[in-house]
Amino acid sequence: ASSPPPPHQTQKAQSTVGIVSKSSVKYRDQVLQSFILRAYLI
């Protein structure tokens, strides 16, 4: 087994993943809202 990376690297990776997941959830919500609006309009 390889040695684990330094804690500051894993923390940085976790924060990056958190930012990406937050933005993807925001984007997904916007897409869902646009689909719902289109369904209502059509």
N, C-alpha and C. Protein backbone atom coordinates (compact mmCIF):
# COMPACT_ATOMS: atom_id res chain seq x y z
N ALA A 1 0.85 -1.21 0.00
CA ALA A 1 0.00 0.00 0.00
C ALA A 1 0.88 1.24 0.00
N SER A 2 0.46 2.24 -0.76
CA SER A 2 1.25 3.47 -0.82
C SER A 2 0.98 4.32 0.41
N SER A 3 1.92 5.20 0.73
CA SER A 3 1.74 6.05 1.92
C SER A 3 0.67 7.10 1.63
N PRO A 4 -0.14 7.44 2.63
CA PRO A 4 -1.21 8.42 2.42
C PRO A 4 -0.65 9.81 2.13
N PRO A 5 -1.34 10.61 1.34
CA PRO A 5 -0.86 11.96 1.02
C PRO A 5 -0.91 12.85 2.25
N PRO A 6 -0.17 13.95 2.26
CA PRO A 6 -0.20 14.87 3.40
C PRO A 6 -1.62 15.39 3.64
N PRO A 7 -1.96 15.70 4.89
CA PRO A 7 -3.33 16.12 5.20
C PRO A 7 -3.76 17.37 4.45
N HIS A 8 -2.82 18.29 4.21
CA HIS A 8 -3.24 19.53 3.55
C HIS A 8 -3.67 19.26 2.11
N GLN A 9 -3.09 18.23 1.47
CA GLN A 9 -3.50 17.90 0.10
C GLN A 9 -4.92 17.32 0.10
N THR A 10 -5.20 16.40 1.03
CA THR A 10 -6.53 15.79 1.06
C THR A 10 -7.58 16.85 1.41
N GLN A 11 -7.23 17.76 2.32
CA GLN A 11 -8.18 18.81 2.70
C GLN A 11 -8.50 19.68 1.49
N LYS A 12 -7.45 20.03 0.72
CA LYS A 12 -7.66 20.86 -0.46
C LYS A 12 -8.56 20.13 -1.46
N ALA A 13 -8.30 18.84 -1.66
CA ALA A 13 -9.12 18.07 -2.59
C ALA A 13 -10.57 18.03 -2.12
N GLN A 14 -10.77 17.83 -0.82
CA GLN A 14 -12.15 17.77 -0.29
C GLN A 14 -12.86 19.10 -0.51
N SER A 15 -12.17 20.22 -0.25
CA SER A 15 -12.82 21.52 -0.43
C SER A 15 -13.16 21.75 -1.90
N THR A 16 -12.26 21.31 -2.80
CA THR A 16 -12.55 21.47 -4.23
C THR A 16 -13.77 20.65 -4.61
N VAL A 17 -13.84 19.42 -4.12
CA VAL A 17 -14.99 18.57 -4.42
C VAL A 17 -16.27 19.21 -3.86
N GLY A 18 -16.18 19.80 -2.68
CA GLY A 18 -17.34 20.46 -2.09
C GLY A 18 -17.83 21.60 -2.95
N ILE A 19 -16.88 22.40 -3.47
CA ILE A 19 -17.27 23.54 -4.32
C ILE A 19 -17.92 23.03 -5.60
N VAL A 20 -17.33 21.99 -6.18
CA VAL A 20 -17.87 21.45 -7.44
C VAL A 20 -19.27 20.88 -7.21
N SER A 21 -19.44 20.13 -6.10
CA SER A 21 -20.75 19.53 -5.85
C SER A 21 -21.80 20.60 -5.60
N LYS A 22 -21.41 21.67 -4.89
CA LYS A 22 -22.37 22.76 -4.64
C LYS A 22 -22.80 23.40 -5.96
N SER A 23 -21.83 23.69 -6.84
CA SER A 23 -22.17 24.35 -8.10
C SER A 23 -23.00 23.41 -8.98
N SER A 24 -22.70 22.10 -8.95
CA SER A 24 -23.46 21.17 -9.77
C SER A 24 -24.90 21.06 -9.27
N VAL A 25 -25.09 21.09 -7.95
CA VAL A 25 -26.45 21.05 -7.39
C VAL A 25 -27.20 22.31 -7.80
N LYS A 26 -26.52 23.46 -7.73
CA LYS A 26 -27.15 24.72 -8.13
C LYS A 26 -27.55 24.64 -9.60
N TYR A 27 -26.65 24.14 -10.45
CA TYR A 27 -26.93 24.03 -11.88
C TYR A 27 -28.09 23.07 -12.12
N ARG A 28 -28.10 21.95 -11.39
CA ARG A 28 -29.17 20.97 -11.55
C ARG A 28 -30.51 21.59 -11.16
N ASP A 29 -30.52 22.37 -10.06
CA ASP A 29 -31.76 23.02 -9.64
C ASP A 29 -32.26 23.98 -10.73
N GLN A 30 -31.34 24.72 -11.34
CA GLN A 30 -31.75 25.65 -12.40
C GLN A 30 -32.34 24.90 -13.58
N VAL A 31 -31.72 23.77 -13.94
CA VAL A 31 -32.22 22.98 -15.06
C VAL A 31 -33.61 22.44 -14.73
N LEU A 32 -33.78 21.94 -13.50
CA LEU A 32 -35.09 21.42 -13.10
C LEU A 32 -36.14 22.52 -13.15
N GLN A 33 -35.79 23.71 -12.66
CA GLN A 33 -36.74 24.83 -12.67
C GLN A 33 -37.14 25.17 -14.10
N SER A 34 -36.16 25.21 -15.03
CA SER A 34 -36.47 25.55 -16.41
C SER A 34 -37.37 24.48 -17.03
N PHE A 35 -37.12 23.21 -16.70
CA PHE A 35 -37.99 22.14 -17.22
C PHE A 35 -39.41 22.30 -16.70
N ILE A 36 -39.55 22.62 -15.39
CA ILE A 36 -40.87 22.79 -14.80
C ILE A 36 -41.59 23.97 -15.45
N LEU A 37 -40.85 25.07 -15.65
CA LEU A 37 -41.46 26.25 -16.28
C LEU A 37 -41.93 25.91 -17.69
N ARG A 38 -41.10 25.18 -18.43
CA ARG A 38 -41.50 24.81 -19.79
C ARG A 38 -42.74 23.92 -19.76
N ALA A 39 -42.78 22.99 -18.82
CA ALA A 39 -43.94 22.10 -18.73
C ALA A 39 -45.20 22.91 -18.47
N TYR A 40 -45.08 23.91 -17.58
CA TYR A 40 -46.25 24.74 -17.28
C TYR A 40 -46.65 25.57 -18.50
N LEU A 41 -45.65 26.13 -19.19
CA LEU A 41 -45.95 26.99 -20.34
C LEU A 41 -46.54 26.18 -21.48
N ILE A 42 -46.06 24.96 -21.67
CA ILE A 42 -46.57 24.13 -22.77
C ILE A 42 -47.85 23.43 -22.31
